[in-house]
């Protein structure tokens, strides 16, 4: 389907490589770890991109740093603001501190405590709101105080930064046949789509999302982003009410399938990764593993998944391990 698109790509290979260069010394080129038990179960090689090893414990550092570092110095000096339940918040706070600028984060009141603590550790100001208010409050603060808004996914430079992750996978594992990517607002999925298209790869791109927040599937059916009434899941990073308009334009023709996983299946994946591989991955980061473990997606060849974050509260993690 990608060949049918006549318009030039929003994120091309030169942009991705420039983003990768800009991340040197900031983000980690994370390893692609073999998942032995899952590989034996499925009969095909399975590898996991360990993004929980990033400085803020999640892939979001890639997009936030890319977008903020590309601002003009005088623009960046005005200060930054964003809205996020956690990992993008930490990434913007981390980057703001590195550049020595004021950073304000609008967070839902029910954000995980470990993510709130992460934001505070980087010296950012936090404004707590009801989850449905965060976008409007963030925009109001940006306008009132003259801060630069760095959205979690509705930004070309954020997508380019996230795309460096898939670029690394494709460079390291040319035998790859399928890539499973979990979907929140769609920035990671859009970055993956951009990297696959830019490199001319024929890797099958599969979107994975919670049953209670199946916004990618809804958007693909409708041909445009659809706002869900009450998205809900144990995977707090995957419950924006819709995918972004810009990410959708990038991934709409590239996604082979969108599969949904239950909260119980996500919990089983968190437990599997800890027991079988010794990894501590948050629910949002384990969703793609859940799609394989549950049989919701059956790969025909080598398949990669992204452990997109490892920021999970101790009590929550203990509940998952207990089953």
C-alpha atoms as a PDB file:
ATOM      1  CA  UNK A   1       0.000   0.000   0.000  1.00  0.00           C
ATOM      2  CA  UNK A   2       2.924   2.341   0.601  1.00  0.00           C
ATOM      3  CA  UNK A   3       3.731   2.471  -3.126  1.00  0.00           C
ATOM      4  CA  UNK A   4       0.308   3.995  -3.825  1.00  0.00           C
ATOM      5  CA  UNK A   5       1.081   7.165  -1.903  1.00  0.00           C
ATOM      6  CA  UNK A   6       2.058   9.885  -4.391  1.00  0.00           C
ATOM      7  CA  UNK A   7       2.870  12.637  -1.876  1.00  0.00           C
ATOM      8  CA  UNK A   8       6.422  12.924  -0.504  1.00  0.00           C
ATOM      9  CA  UNK A   9       6.960  11.397   2.943  1.00  0.00           C
ATOM     10  CA  UNK A  10       6.626  13.636   5.983  1.00  0.00           C
ATOM     11  CA  UNK A  11       9.668  11.910   7.501  1.00  0.00           C
ATOM     12  CA  UNK A  12      12.299  10.718   5.031  1.00  0.00           C
ATOM     13  CA  UNK A  13      15.536   8.782   5.483  1.00  0.00           C
ATOM     14  CA  UNK A  14      17.696  11.909   5.672  1.00  0.00           C
ATOM     15  CA  UNK A  15      15.532  13.245   8.493  1.00  0.00           C
ATOM     16  CA  UNK A  16      15.742   9.927  10.373  1.00  0.00           C
ATOM     17  CA  UNK A  17      19.516   9.777  10.031  1.00  0.00           C
ATOM     18  CA  UNK A  18      19.852  13.380  11.176  1.00  0.00           C
ATOM     19  CA  UNK A  19      17.708  12.554  14.203  1.00  0.00           C
ATOM     20  CA  UNK A  20      19.862   9.516  14.977  1.00  0.00           C
ATOM     21  CA  UNK A  21      22.997  11.648  14.807  1.00  0.00           C
ATOM     22  CA  UNK A  22      21.445  14.226  17.122  1.00  0.00           C
ATOM     23  CA  UNK A  23      20.669  11.541  19.712  1.00  0.00           C
ATOM     24  CA  UNK A  24      24.278  10.391  20.035  1.00  0.00           C
ATOM     25  CA  UNK A  25      25.420  10.843  23.621  1.00  0.00           C
ATOM     26  CA  UNK A  26      21.824  11.354  24.800  1.00  0.00           C
ATOM     27  CA  UNK A  27      19.759   8.262  23.993  1.00  0.00           C
ATOM     28  CA  UNK A  28      21.080   4.727  24.143  1.00  0.00           C
ATOM     29  CA  UNK A  29      21.268   2.498  21.074  1.00  0.00           C
ATOM     30  CA  UNK A  30      19.390  -0.200  22.945  1.00  0.00           C
ATOM     31  CA  UNK A  31      20.070  -3.915  22.425  1.00  0.00           C
ATOM     32  CA  UNK A  32      17.807  -6.280  20.514  1.00  0.00           C
ATOM     33  CA  UNK A  33      17.469  -9.130  22.986  1.00  0.00           C
ATOM     34  CA  UNK A  34      16.509 -12.702  22.014  1.00  0.00           C
ATOM     35  CA  UNK A  35      13.402 -13.932  23.845  1.00  0.00           C
ATOM     36  CA  UNK A  36      14.319 -17.607  24.029  1.00  0.00           C
ATOM     37  CA  UNK A  37      11.205 -18.994  25.715  1.00  0.00           C
ATOM     38  CA  UNK A  38       8.835 -17.109  23.417  1.00  0.00           C
ATOM     39  CA  UNK A  39      10.878 -18.066  20.344  1.00  0.00           C
ATOM     40  CA  UNK A  40      10.617 -21.736  21.271  1.00  0.00           C
ATOM     41  CA  UNK A  41       6.902 -21.405  21.898  1.00  0.00           C
ATOM     42  CA  UNK A  42       6.224 -19.752  18.512  1.00  0.00           C
ATOM     43  CA  UNK A  43       8.799 -21.622  16.437  1.00  0.00           C
ATOM     44  CA  UNK A  44      10.289 -18.411  15.022  1.00  0.00           C
ATOM     45  CA  UNK A  45      13.016 -16.054  16.337  1.00  0.00           C
ATOM     46  CA  UNK A  46      11.638 -13.309  18.588  1.00  0.00           C
ATOM     47  CA  UNK A  47      13.741 -10.342  19.675  1.00  0.00           C
ATOM     48  CA  UNK A  48      12.908  -7.474  21.994  1.00  0.00           C
ATOM     49  CA  UNK A  49      14.100  -3.879  21.619  1.00  0.00           C
ATOM     50  CA  UNK A  50      14.999  -2.927  25.194  1.00  0.00           C
ATOM     51  CA  UNK A  51      13.900   0.727  25.357  1.00  0.00           C
ATOM     52  CA  UNK A  52      13.492   0.536  29.139  1.00  0.00           C
ATOM     53  CA  UNK A  53      17.291   1.033  29.191  1.00  0.00           C
ATOM     54  CA  UNK A  54      16.949   4.644  28.023  1.00  0.00           C
ATOM     55  CA  UNK A  55      17.964   7.429  30.480  1.00  0.00           C
ATOM     56  CA  UNK A  56      14.309   8.088  31.386  1.00  0.00           C
ATOM     57  CA  UNK A  57      13.332   4.414  31.120  1.00  0.00           C
ATOM     58  CA  UNK A  58      11.396   4.718  27.858  1.00  0.00           C
ATOM     59  CA  UNK A  59      11.692   5.428  24.129  1.00  0.00           C
ATOM     60  CA  UNK A  60      10.106   8.866  24.511  1.00  0.00           C
ATOM     61  CA  UNK A  61      13.521  10.457  25.014  1.00  0.00           C
ATOM     62  CA  UNK A  62      14.130   9.996  21.290  1.00  0.00           C
ATOM     63  CA  UNK A  63      11.235  12.160  20.132  1.00  0.00           C
ATOM     64  CA  UNK A  64      11.383  14.759  22.878  1.00  0.00           C
ATOM     65  CA  UNK A  65      15.108  15.376  22.475  1.00  0.00           C
ATOM     66  CA  UNK A  66      14.851  15.545  18.686  1.00  0.00           C
ATOM     67  CA  UNK A  67      12.031  18.095  18.753  1.00  0.00           C
ATOM     68  CA  UNK A  68      13.507  20.279  21.489  1.00  0.00           C
ATOM     69  CA  UNK A  69      17.093  20.202  20.197  1.00  0.00           C
ATOM     70  CA  UNK A  70      15.872  21.371  16.788  1.00  0.00           C
ATOM     71  CA  UNK A  71      14.280  24.524  18.198  1.00  0.00           C
ATOM     72  CA  UNK A  72      16.071  27.808  17.667  1.00  0.00           C
ATOM     73  CA  UNK A  73      17.977  28.720  20.868  1.00  0.00           C
ATOM     74  CA  UNK A  74      15.914  31.863  21.478  1.00  0.00           C
ATOM     75  CA  UNK A  75      12.700  29.877  21.008  1.00  0.00           C
ATOM     76  CA  UNK A  76      13.823  27.131  23.387  1.00  0.00           C
ATOM     77  CA  UNK A  77      14.852  29.721  25.986  1.00  0.00           C
ATOM     78  CA  UNK A  78      11.185  30.719  26.383  1.00  0.00           C
ATOM     79  CA  UNK A  79      10.614  27.413  28.191  1.00  0.00           C
ATOM     80  CA  UNK A  80       8.724  24.222  27.408  1.00  0.00           C
ATOM     81  CA  UNK A  81       5.334  22.751  28.196  1.00  0.00           C
ATOM     82  CA  UNK A  82       3.698  19.422  27.421  1.00  0.00           C
ATOM     83  CA  UNK A  83       0.939  17.083  28.563  1.00  0.00           C
ATOM     84  CA  UNK A  84       1.581  13.436  29.368  1.00  0.00           C
ATOM     85  CA  UNK A  85       0.722  10.682  31.821  1.00  0.00           C
ATOM     86  CA  UNK A  86       4.369   9.933  32.307  1.00  0.00           C
ATOM     87  CA  UNK A  87       7.042   8.842  29.850  1.00  0.00           C
ATOM     88  CA  UNK A  88       6.859  11.787  27.444  1.00  0.00           C
ATOM     89  CA  UNK A  89       6.610  13.998  30.517  1.00  0.00           C
ATOM     90  CA  UNK A  90       9.858  12.578  31.855  1.00  0.00           C
ATOM     91  CA  UNK A  91      11.522  12.908  28.457  1.00  0.00           C
ATOM     92  CA  UNK A  92      10.616  16.597  28.125  1.00  0.00           C
ATOM     93  CA  UNK A  93      11.627  17.256  31.738  1.00  0.00           C
ATOM     94  CA  UNK A  94      14.969  15.491  31.190  1.00  0.00           C
ATOM     95  CA  UNK A  95      15.622  17.454  28.001  1.00  0.00           C
ATOM     96  CA  UNK A  96      14.543  20.754  29.516  1.00  0.00           C
ATOM     97  CA  UNK A  97      16.981  20.292  32.365  1.00  0.00           C
ATOM     98  CA  UNK A  98      19.815  19.407  29.952  1.00  0.00           C
ATOM     99  CA  UNK A  99      19.182  22.659  28.085  1.00  0.00           C
ATOM    100  CA  UNK A 100      18.675  24.644  31.301  1.00  0.00           C
ATOM    101  CA  UNK A 101      15.193  25.927  30.478  1.00  0.00           C
ATOM    102  CA  UNK A 102      11.955  26.092  32.426  1.00  0.00           C
ATOM    103  CA  UNK A 103       9.721  23.080  31.857  1.00  0.00           C
ATOM    104  CA  UNK A 104       6.053  22.693  32.791  1.00  0.00           C
ATOM    105  CA  UNK A 105       4.295  19.320  32.608  1.00  0.00           C
ATOM    106  CA  UNK A 106       0.517  18.912  32.641  1.00  0.00           C
ATOM    107  CA  UNK A 107      -0.221  15.455  34.088  1.00  0.00           C
ATOM    108  CA  UNK A 108      -3.452  13.590  34.832  1.00  0.00           C
ATOM    109  CA  UNK A 109      -4.158  13.262  38.542  1.00  0.00           C
ATOM    110  CA  UNK A 110      -4.080   9.472  38.206  1.00  0.00           C
ATOM    111  CA  UNK A 111      -0.601   9.323  36.630  1.00  0.00           C
ATOM    112  CA  UNK A 112       1.587   6.519  38.051  1.00  0.00           C
ATOM    113  CA  UNK A 113       3.568   7.664  41.082  1.00  0.00           C
ATOM    114  CA  UNK A 114       6.849   6.404  39.622  1.00  0.00           C
ATOM    115  CA  UNK A 115       6.382   8.626  36.573  1.00  0.00           C
ATOM    116  CA  UNK A 116       5.432  11.672  38.645  1.00  0.00           C
ATOM    117  CA  UNK A 117       8.569  11.120  40.728  1.00  0.00           C
ATOM    118  CA  UNK A 118      10.630  10.869  37.545  1.00  0.00           C
ATOM    119  CA  UNK A 119       9.342  14.215  36.297  1.00  0.00           C
ATOM    120  CA  UNK A 120      10.066  15.857  39.636  1.00  0.00           C
ATOM    121  CA  UNK A 121      13.577  14.408  39.718  1.00  0.00           C
ATOM    122  CA  UNK A 122      14.381  16.466  36.613  1.00  0.00           C
ATOM    123  CA  UNK A 123      13.179  19.707  38.199  1.00  0.00           C
ATOM    124  CA  UNK A 124      10.072  20.257  36.086  1.00  0.00           C
ATOM    125  CA  UNK A 125       6.950  22.017  37.344  1.00  0.00           C
ATOM    126  CA  UNK A 126       3.845  19.809  37.401  1.00  0.00           C
ATOM    127  CA  UNK A 127       0.230  20.892  36.932  1.00  0.00           C
ATOM    128  CA  UNK A 128      -2.224  18.118  37.820  1.00  0.00           C
ATOM    129  CA  UNK A 129      -5.577  17.975  36.024  1.00  0.00           C
ATOM    130  CA  UNK A 130      -8.352  15.542  35.185  1.00  0.00           C
ATOM    131  CA  UNK A 131      -7.245  13.315  32.311  1.00  0.00           C
ATOM    132  CA  UNK A 132      -9.744  14.804  29.833  1.00  0.00           C
ATOM    133  CA  UNK A 133      -8.544  18.362  30.623  1.00  0.00           C
ATOM    134  CA  UNK A 134      -4.851  17.946  29.951  1.00  0.00           C
ATOM    135  CA  UNK A 135      -4.726  18.988  26.273  1.00  0.00           C
ATOM    136  CA  UNK A 136      -6.725  22.188  26.811  1.00  0.00           C
ATOM    137  CA  UNK A 137      -4.896  23.169  30.001  1.00  0.00           C
ATOM    138  CA  UNK A 138      -1.550  22.597  28.301  1.00  0.00           C
ATOM    139  CA  UNK A 139      -2.541  24.776  25.325  1.00  0.00           C
ATOM    140  CA  UNK A 140      -3.793  27.500  27.663  1.00  0.00           C
ATOM    141  CA  UNK A 141      -0.502  27.540  29.599  1.00  0.00           C
ATOM    142  CA  UNK A 142       1.520  27.670  26.393  1.00  0.00           C
ATOM    143  CA  UNK A 143      -0.458  30.677  25.151  1.00  0.00           C
ATOM    144  CA  UNK A 144      -0.620  32.516  28.465  1.00  0.00           C
ATOM    145  CA  UNK A 145       3.024  32.075  29.448  1.00  0.00           C
ATOM    146  CA  UNK A 146       4.672  32.001  26.025  1.00  0.00           C
ATOM    147  CA  UNK A 147       6.068  28.492  26.456  1.00  0.00           C
ATOM    148  CA  UNK A 148       6.853  26.198  23.532  1.00  0.00           C
ATOM    149  CA  UNK A 149       4.447  23.267  23.347  1.00  0.00           C
ATOM    150  CA  UNK A 150       6.120  19.901  22.697  1.00  0.00           C
ATOM    151  CA  UNK A 151       3.234  17.495  22.044  1.00  0.00           C
ATOM    152  CA  UNK A 152       3.638  13.770  22.757  1.00  0.00           C
ATOM    153  CA  UNK A 153       3.049  12.646  19.162  1.00  0.00           C
ATOM    154  CA  UNK A 154       1.482  15.392  17.021  1.00  0.00           C
ATOM    155  CA  UNK A 155       4.844  16.712  15.784  1.00  0.00           C
ATOM    156  CA  UNK A 156       7.043  15.796  12.809  1.00  0.00           C
ATOM    157  CA  UNK A 157      10.284  16.012  14.789  1.00  0.00           C
ATOM    158  CA  UNK A 158       8.876  13.833  17.574  1.00  0.00           C
ATOM    159  CA  UNK A 159       7.935  11.211  14.972  1.00  0.00           C
ATOM    160  CA  UNK A 160      11.401  11.429  13.399  1.00  0.00           C
ATOM    161  CA  UNK A 161      12.995  10.834  16.783  1.00  0.00           C
ATOM    162  CA  UNK A 162      10.793   7.833  17.491  1.00  0.00           C
ATOM    163  CA  UNK A 163      11.605   6.490  14.023  1.00  0.00           C
ATOM    164  CA  UNK A 164      15.271   6.097  14.950  1.00  0.00           C
ATOM    165  CA  UNK A 165      14.257   3.134  17.100  1.00  0.00           C
ATOM    166  CA  UNK A 166      12.929   1.145  14.132  1.00  0.00           C
ATOM    167  CA  UNK A 167      15.850   2.293  11.999  1.00  0.00           C
ATOM    168  CA  UNK A 168      18.178   0.640  14.523  1.00  0.00           C
ATOM    169  CA  UNK A 169      16.146  -2.585  14.431  1.00  0.00           C
ATOM    170  CA  UNK A 170      16.187  -2.758  10.634  1.00  0.00           C
ATOM    171  CA  UNK A 171      19.935  -2.104  10.504  1.00  0.00           C
ATOM    172  CA  UNK A 172      20.710  -4.752  13.118  1.00  0.00           C
ATOM    173  CA  UNK A 173      18.354  -7.505  11.973  1.00  0.00           C
ATOM    174  CA  UNK A 174      17.902  -7.589   8.176  1.00  0.00           C
ATOM    175  CA  UNK A 175      16.155 -10.982   8.400  1.00  0.00           C
ATOM    176  CA  UNK A 176      13.221  -9.404  10.258  1.00  0.00           C
ATOM    177  CA  UNK A 177       9.809 -10.190   8.778  1.00  0.00           C
ATOM    178  CA  UNK A 178       7.409  -8.466  11.202  1.00  0.00           C
ATOM    179  CA  UNK A 179       7.507  -5.656  13.765  1.00  0.00           C
ATOM    180  CA  UNK A 180       4.868  -5.305  16.469  1.00  0.00           C
ATOM    181  CA  UNK A 181       4.380  -1.767  17.809  1.00  0.00           C
ATOM    182  CA  UNK A 182       2.074  -0.748  20.646  1.00  0.00           C
ATOM    183  CA  UNK A 183      -0.105   2.311  20.071  1.00  0.00           C
ATOM    184  CA  UNK A 184      -0.796   5.216  22.370  1.00  0.00           C
ATOM    185  CA  UNK A 185      -1.119   8.423  20.374  1.00  0.00           C
ATOM    186  CA  UNK A 186       0.592   6.810  17.395  1.00  0.00           C
ATOM    187  CA  UNK A 187       4.004   8.505  17.438  1.00  0.00           C
ATOM    188  CA  UNK A 188       5.962   5.275  17.833  1.00  0.00           C
ATOM    189  CA  UNK A 189       3.875   3.544  15.161  1.00  0.00           C
ATOM    190  CA  UNK A 190       4.317   6.498  12.799  1.00  0.00           C
ATOM    191  CA  UNK A 191       8.069   6.485  13.390  1.00  0.00           C
ATOM    192  CA  UNK A 192       8.170   2.776  12.599  1.00  0.00           C
ATOM    193  CA  UNK A 193       6.136   3.301   9.435  1.00  0.00           C
ATOM    194  CA  UNK A 194       8.442   6.131   8.344  1.00  0.00           C
ATOM    195  CA  UNK A 195      11.579   4.044   8.897  1.00  0.00           C
ATOM    196  CA  UNK A 196      10.177   1.024   7.054  1.00  0.00           C
ATOM    197  CA  UNK A 197       9.122   3.163   4.093  1.00  0.00           C
ATOM    198  CA  UNK A 198      12.345   5.199   4.043  1.00  0.00           C
ATOM    199  CA  UNK A 199      14.544   2.094   3.920  1.00  0.00           C
ATOM    200  CA  UNK A 200      12.391   0.282   1.368  1.00  0.00           C
ATOM    201  CA  UNK A 201      11.854  -2.593   3.795  1.00  0.00           C
ATOM    202  CA  UNK A 202       9.042  -5.103   3.313  1.00  0.00           C
ATOM    203  CA  UNK A 203       8.722  -5.782   7.043  1.00  0.00           C
ATOM    204  CA  UNK A 204       5.118  -6.340   8.123  1.00  0.00           C
ATOM    205  CA  UNK A 205       4.041  -3.579  10.535  1.00  0.00           C
ATOM    206  CA  UNK A 206       1.481  -4.611  13.160  1.00  0.00           C
ATOM    207  CA  UNK A 207      -0.223  -2.199  15.550  1.00  0.00           C
ATOM    208  CA  UNK A 208      -1.017  -3.519  19.034  1.00  0.00           C
ATOM    209  CA  UNK A 209      -3.421  -1.819  21.427  1.00  0.00           C
ATOM    210  CA  UNK A 210      -5.545  -2.595  24.490  1.00  0.00           C
ATOM    211  CA  UNK A 211      -9.076  -3.861  23.917  1.00  0.00           C
ATOM    212  CA  UNK A 212     -10.319  -0.922  25.945  1.00  0.00           C
ATOM    213  CA  UNK A 213      -8.479   1.633  23.814  1.00  0.00           C
ATOM    214  CA  UNK A 214      -8.631   0.347  20.241  1.00  0.00           C
ATOM    215  CA  UNK A 215      -8.202   3.719  18.581  1.00  0.00           C
ATOM    216  CA  UNK A 216      -5.793   2.666  15.813  1.00  0.00           C
ATOM    217  CA  UNK A 217      -8.204   0.027  14.561  1.00  0.00           C
ATOM    218  CA  UNK A 218     -11.047   2.550  14.705  1.00  0.00           C
ATOM    219  CA  UNK A 219      -9.019   5.121  12.760  1.00  0.00           C
ATOM    220  CA  UNK A 220      -8.001   2.613  10.098  1.00  0.00           C
ATOM    221  CA  UNK A 221     -11.638   1.559   9.616  1.00  0.00           C
ATOM    222  CA  UNK A 222     -12.873   5.147   9.431  1.00  0.00           C
ATOM    223  CA  UNK A 223     -10.000   6.545   7.366  1.00  0.00           C
ATOM    224  CA  UNK A 224      -9.380   9.236   9.995  1.00  0.00           C
ATOM    225  CA  UNK A 225      -8.692   9.457  13.732  1.00  0.00           C
ATOM    226  CA  UNK A 226     -11.707   8.556  15.872  1.00  0.00           C
ATOM    227  CA  UNK A 227     -12.173   9.790  19.438  1.00  0.00           C
ATOM    228  CA  UNK A 228     -13.136   7.049  21.893  1.00  0.00           C
ATOM    229  CA  UNK A 229     -15.598   7.897  24.655  1.00  0.00           C
ATOM    230  CA  UNK A 230     -13.852   6.303  27.634  1.00  0.00           C
ATOM    231  CA  UNK A 231     -10.602   4.506  26.801  1.00  0.00           C
ATOM    232  CA  UNK A 232      -9.350   2.358  29.667  1.00  0.00           C
ATOM    233  CA  UNK A 233      -6.544  -0.116  30.295  1.00  0.00           C
ATOM    234  CA  UNK A 234      -3.906  -1.148  32.821  1.00  0.00           C
ATOM    235  CA  UNK A 235      -1.479   0.171  30.184  1.00  0.00           C
ATOM    236  CA  UNK A 236      -1.646   3.860  31.154  1.00  0.00           C
ATOM    237  CA  UNK A 237       0.585   4.948  28.273  1.00  0.00           C
ATOM    238  CA  UNK A 238      -1.770   3.499  25.666  1.00  0.00           C
ATOM    239  CA  UNK A 239      -5.040   5.235  26.513  1.00  0.00           C
ATOM    240  CA  UNK A 240      -5.167   8.591  24.692  1.00  0.00           C
ATOM    241  CA  UNK A 241      -8.714   8.906  23.322  1.00  0.00           C
ATOM    242  CA  UNK A 242      -7.502   8.943  19.712  1.00  0.00           C
ATOM    243  CA  UNK A 243      -4.393   8.637  17.605  1.00  0.00           C
ATOM    244  CA  UNK A 244      -2.931  11.902  16.394  1.00  0.00           C
ATOM    245  CA  UNK A 245      -3.825  13.319  12.989  1.00  0.00           C
ATOM    246  CA  UNK A 246      -0.190  13.648  11.940  1.00  0.00           C
ATOM    247  CA  UNK A 247       0.852  10.147  13.062  1.00  0.00           C
ATOM    248  CA  UNK A 248      -2.181   8.704  11.307  1.00  0.00           C
ATOM    249  CA  UNK A 249      -1.166  10.328   8.028  1.00  0.00           C
ATOM    250  CA  UNK A 250       2.239   8.655   8.349  1.00  0.00           C
ATOM    251  CA  UNK A 251       1.126   5.143   9.328  1.00  0.00           C
ATOM    252  CA  UNK A 252      -2.302   4.787   7.698  1.00  0.00           C
ATOM    253  CA  UNK A 253      -1.018   3.055   4.535  1.00  0.00           C
ATOM    254  CA  UNK A 254       1.731   1.095   6.256  1.00  0.00           C
ATOM    255  CA  UNK A 255      -0.069  -0.933   8.919  1.00  0.00           C
ATOM    256  CA  UNK A 256      -0.668  -4.556   7.946  1.00  0.00           C
ATOM    257  CA  UNK A 257      -2.996  -5.260  10.864  1.00  0.00           C
ATOM    258  CA  UNK A 258      -4.194  -3.816  14.162  1.00  0.00           C
ATOM    259  CA  UNK A 259      -4.674  -6.346  16.942  1.00  0.00           C
ATOM    260  CA  UNK A 260      -6.115  -5.895  20.423  1.00  0.00           C
ATOM    261  CA  UNK A 261      -5.016  -7.489  23.691  1.00  0.00           C
ATOM    262  CA  UNK A 262      -6.856  -7.730  27.002  1.00  0.00           C
ATOM    263  CA  UNK A 263      -5.611  -6.352  30.290  1.00  0.00           C
ATOM    264  CA  UNK A 264      -5.200  -9.924  31.519  1.00  0.00           C
ATOM    265  CA  UNK A 265      -3.017 -10.716  28.497  1.00  0.00           C
ATOM    266  CA  UNK A 266      -0.925  -7.605  29.113  1.00  0.00           C
ATOM    267  CA  UNK A 267      -0.451  -8.680  32.726  1.00  0.00           C
ATOM    268  CA  UNK A 268       0.593 -12.147  31.603  1.00  0.00           C
ATOM    269  CA  UNK A 269       3.174 -10.572  29.280  1.00  0.00           C
ATOM    270  CA  UNK A 270       4.630  -8.447  32.107  1.00  0.00           C
ATOM    271  CA  UNK A 271       4.910 -11.616  34.186  1.00  0.00           C
ATOM    272  CA  UNK A 272       6.396 -13.665  31.325  1.00  0.00           C
ATOM    273  CA  UNK A 273       9.104 -11.104  30.633  1.00  0.00           C
ATOM    274  CA  UNK A 274      10.101 -11.045  34.282  1.00  0.00           C
ATOM    275  CA  UNK A 275      10.019 -14.794  34.883  1.00  0.00           C
ATOM    276  CA  UNK A 276      11.504 -15.951  31.570  1.00  0.00           C
ATOM    277  CA  UNK A 277      13.876 -13.085  30.764  1.00  0.00           C
ATOM    278  CA  UNK A 278      14.459 -11.251  34.055  1.00  0.00           C
ATOM    279  CA  UNK A 279      13.063  -7.998  32.646  1.00  0.00           C
ATOM    280  CA  UNK A 280      10.998  -5.327  34.414  1.00  0.00           C
ATOM    281  CA  UNK A 281       8.677  -3.851  31.799  1.00  0.00           C
ATOM    282  CA  UNK A 282       5.652  -1.638  32.385  1.00  0.00           C
ATOM    283  CA  UNK A 283       2.221  -2.756  31.067  1.00  0.00           C
ATOM    284  CA  UNK A 284       2.321  -0.337  28.120  1.00  0.00           C
ATOM    285  CA  UNK A 285       5.751  -1.660  27.199  1.00  0.00           C
ATOM    286  CA  UNK A 286       4.638  -5.295  27.288  1.00  0.00           C
ATOM    287  CA  UNK A 287       1.580  -5.005  25.039  1.00  0.00           C
ATOM    288  CA  UNK A 288       3.310  -6.258  21.888  1.00  0.00           C
ATOM    289  CA  UNK A 289       4.671  -9.279  23.757  1.00  0.00           C
ATOM    290  CA  UNK A 290       1.093  -9.900  24.891  1.00  0.00           C
ATOM    291  CA  UNK A 291      -0.024 -10.107  21.264  1.00  0.00           C
ATOM    292  CA  UNK A 292       2.471 -12.918  20.632  1.00  0.00           C
ATOM    293  CA  UNK A 293       2.046 -14.727  23.939  1.00  0.00           C
ATOM    294  CA  UNK A 294      -1.747 -14.789  23.615  1.00  0.00           C
ATOM    295  CA  UNK A 295      -1.765 -15.861  19.976  1.00  0.00           C
ATOM    296  CA  UNK A 296      -3.548 -12.707  18.863  1.00  0.00           C
ATOM    297  CA  UNK A 297      -0.826 -12.381  16.225  1.00  0.00           C
ATOM    298  CA  UNK A 298       0.959 -15.409  14.777  1.00  0.00           C
ATOM    299  CA  UNK A 299       4.248 -14.535  13.035  1.00  0.00           C
ATOM    300  CA  UNK A 300       5.414 -16.482   9.996  1.00  0.00           C
ATOM    301  CA  UNK A 301       9.076 -15.537  10.453  1.00  0.00           C
ATOM    302  CA  UNK A 302      11.498 -13.535  12.584  1.00  0.00           C
ATOM    303  CA  UNK A 303       9.567 -10.972  14.615  1.00  0.00           C
ATOM    304  CA  UNK A 304      10.581  -8.024  16.797  1.00  0.00           C
ATOM    305  CA  UNK A 305       8.708  -6.370  19.645  1.00  0.00           C
ATOM    306  CA  UNK A 306       9.454  -3.132  21.467  1.00  0.00           C
ATOM    307  CA  UNK A 307       9.651  -2.998  25.258  1.00  0.00           C
ATOM    308  CA  UNK A 308       8.825   0.683  25.099  1.00  0.00           C
ATOM    309  CA  UNK A 309       9.138   1.462  28.811  1.00  0.00           C
ATOM    310  CA  UNK A 310      10.063   0.125  32.218  1.00  0.00           C
ATOM    311  CA  UNK A 311       8.504   2.709  34.534  1.00  0.00           C
ATOM    312  CA  UNK A 312       6.082   0.763  36.709  1.00  0.00           C
ATOM    313  CA  UNK A 313       5.136   1.295  40.350  1.00  0.00           C
ATOM    314  CA  UNK A 314       6.428  -1.402  42.706  1.00  0.00           C
ATOM    315  CA  UNK A 315       2.950  -2.263  43.978  1.00  0.00           C
ATOM    316  CA  UNK A 316       1.528  -2.538  40.470  1.00  0.00           C
ATOM    317  CA  UNK A 317       4.422  -4.709  39.327  1.00  0.00           C
ATOM    318  CA  UNK A 318       3.998  -6.996  42.332  1.00  0.00           C
ATOM    319  CA  UNK A 319       0.309  -7.465  41.502  1.00  0.00           C
ATOM    320  CA  UNK A 320       1.175  -8.496  37.962  1.00  0.00           C
ATOM    321  CA  UNK A 321       3.759 -10.987  39.189  1.00  0.00           C
ATOM    322  CA  UNK A 322       1.220 -12.479  41.564  1.00  0.00           C
ATOM    323  CA  UNK A 323      -1.134 -13.035  38.626  1.00  0.00           C
END
